[in-house]
Protein backbone atom coordinates (compact mmCIF):
# COMPACT_ATOMS: atom_id res chain seq x y z
CA UNK A 1 0.00 0.00 0.00
CA UNK A 2 1.31 3.41 -0.94
CA UNK A 3 0.74 6.20 1.55
CA UNK A 4 -1.41 8.93 0.03
CA UNK A 5 -0.25 12.52 0.33
CA UNK A 6 -3.44 13.33 2.26
CA UNK A 7 -2.75 10.63 4.85
CA UNK A 8 0.94 11.57 5.03
CA UNK A 9 -0.02 15.21 5.72
CA UNK A 10 -2.56 14.13 8.34
CA UNK A 11 0.03 11.97 10.12
CA UNK A 12 2.66 14.72 10.02
CA UNK A 13 0.15 17.15 11.54
CA UNK A 14 -0.71 14.67 14.31
CA UNK A 15 2.95 13.91 15.07
CA UNK A 16 3.88 17.57 15.29
CA UNK A 17 0.72 18.69 17.15
CA UNK A 18 2.30 17.93 20.53
CA UNK A 19 5.80 17.28 21.82
CA UNK A 20 4.93 13.67 22.77
CA UNK A 21 2.40 11.71 20.70
CA UNK A 22 1.43 8.08 21.22
CA UNK A 23 -0.42 6.21 18.48
CA UNK A 24 -2.25 3.47 20.35
CA UNK A 25 -5.28 1.21 20.48
CA UNK A 26 -7.81 2.99 22.68
CA UNK A 27 -6.99 6.09 24.66
CA UNK A 28 -4.98 7.02 27.72
CA UNK A 29 -7.90 6.36 30.07
CA UNK A 30 -8.89 3.07 28.44
CA UNK A 31 -6.14 1.31 26.46
CA UNK A 32 -7.52 -1.49 24.28
CA UNK A 33 -4.45 -3.73 24.23
CA UNK A 34 -1.77 -4.74 26.69
CA UNK A 35 1.05 -3.20 24.67
CA UNK A 36 -0.68 0.18 24.53
CA UNK A 37 -1.47 -0.08 28.25
CA UNK A 38 2.21 -0.72 29.04
CA UNK A 39 3.40 2.35 27.13
CA UNK A 40 0.69 4.49 28.77
CA UNK A 41 1.82 3.23 32.18
CA UNK A 42 5.42 4.19 31.38
CA UNK A 43 4.52 7.63 30.03
CA UNK A 44 2.17 8.33 32.95
CA UNK A 45 5.09 7.72 35.33
CA UNK A 46 7.19 10.32 33.50
CA UNK A 47 4.84 12.95 32.07
CA UNK A 48 1.70 14.73 33.22
CA UNK A 49 0.59 15.50 29.66
CA UNK A 50 1.00 13.91 26.25
CA UNK A 51 -1.21 13.32 23.24
CA UNK A 52 -2.70 10.02 22.19
CA UNK A 53 -4.23 9.01 18.87
CA UNK A 54 -6.70 6.12 18.92
CA UNK A 55 -5.92 4.18 15.74
CA UNK A 56 -9.05 2.04 16.21
CA UNK A 57 -11.16 5.11 15.38
CA UNK A 58 -9.30 5.88 12.15
CA UNK A 59 -8.40 2.97 9.83
CA UNK A 60 -6.43 5.28 7.51
CA UNK A 61 -4.27 6.37 10.46
CA UNK A 62 -3.93 2.79 11.75
CA UNK A 63 -2.52 1.51 8.46
CA UNK A 64 -0.86 4.76 7.43
CA UNK A 65 1.25 5.16 10.56
CA UNK A 66 2.76 1.71 10.01
CA UNK A 67 3.92 2.71 6.55
CA UNK A 68 4.89 6.22 7.65
CA UNK A 69 7.27 4.88 10.30
CA UNK A 70 8.21 1.63 8.55
CA UNK A 71 7.16 -0.08 11.80
CA UNK A 72 4.54 -2.87 11.62
CA UNK A 73 2.92 -2.63 15.05
CA UNK A 74 0.95 -0.35 17.35
CA UNK A 75 1.63 1.41 19.72
CA UNK A 76 4.11 3.88 18.28
CA UNK A 77 5.70 6.70 20.26
CA UNK A 78 6.91 9.99 18.77
CA UNK A 79 8.88 12.61 20.72
CA UNK A 80 9.67 15.96 19.12
CA UNK A 81 8.50 14.54 15.78
CA UNK A 82 10.92 11.60 15.99
CA UNK A 83 9.73 8.00 16.00
CA UNK A 84 11.15 6.23 19.07
CA UNK A 85 9.57 2.80 18.70
CA UNK A 86 6.89 0.45 19.92
CA UNK A 87 6.23 -1.18 23.27
CA UNK A 88 9.43 -3.25 23.50
CA UNK A 89 11.72 -0.37 22.56
CA UNK A 90 9.91 2.12 24.81
CA UNK A 91 10.12 -0.40 27.69
CA UNK A 92 13.85 -0.86 27.09
CA UNK A 93 14.45 2.91 26.90
CA UNK A 94 12.52 3.30 30.16
CA UNK A 95 14.50 0.55 31.91
CA UNK A 96 17.83 2.08 30.91
CA UNK A 97 16.77 5.64 31.79
CA UNK A 98 17.14 6.82 28.19
CA UNK A 99 13.42 7.57 27.81
CA UNK A 100 13.45 9.90 30.79
CA UNK A 101 16.43 11.73 29.30
CA UNK A 102 14.66 12.04 25.94
CA UNK A 103 11.55 13.36 27.64
CA UNK A 104 13.57 15.64 29.94
CA UNK A 105 11.15 14.80 32.73
CA UNK A 106 11.53 13.50 36.21
CA UNK A 107 9.45 10.54 37.37
CA UNK A 108 6.13 11.39 38.98
CA UNK A 109 6.73 8.76 41.67
């Protein structure tokens, strides 16, 4: 599938709308998969505010973001317009302390 210019523009606007954007299944209050829930849990421990995009509500975004990032799974985390990765990579960055450095936040613990 080739990413249409309309979808590419929509994704770029979403990614740059906030400093931290998580493409996920469900929303922050009600994640719809365990992987999305894990990334929300991690981000909630580090940040008071970030944007989420529920890919279940927008099939063009759900498929388009996979092609846009060249990453086959959801969730996908973007910080400052840069794709960081999915659940496993975000979890690893969190464990090593690299995610906190990228977010320039201190844990809310």
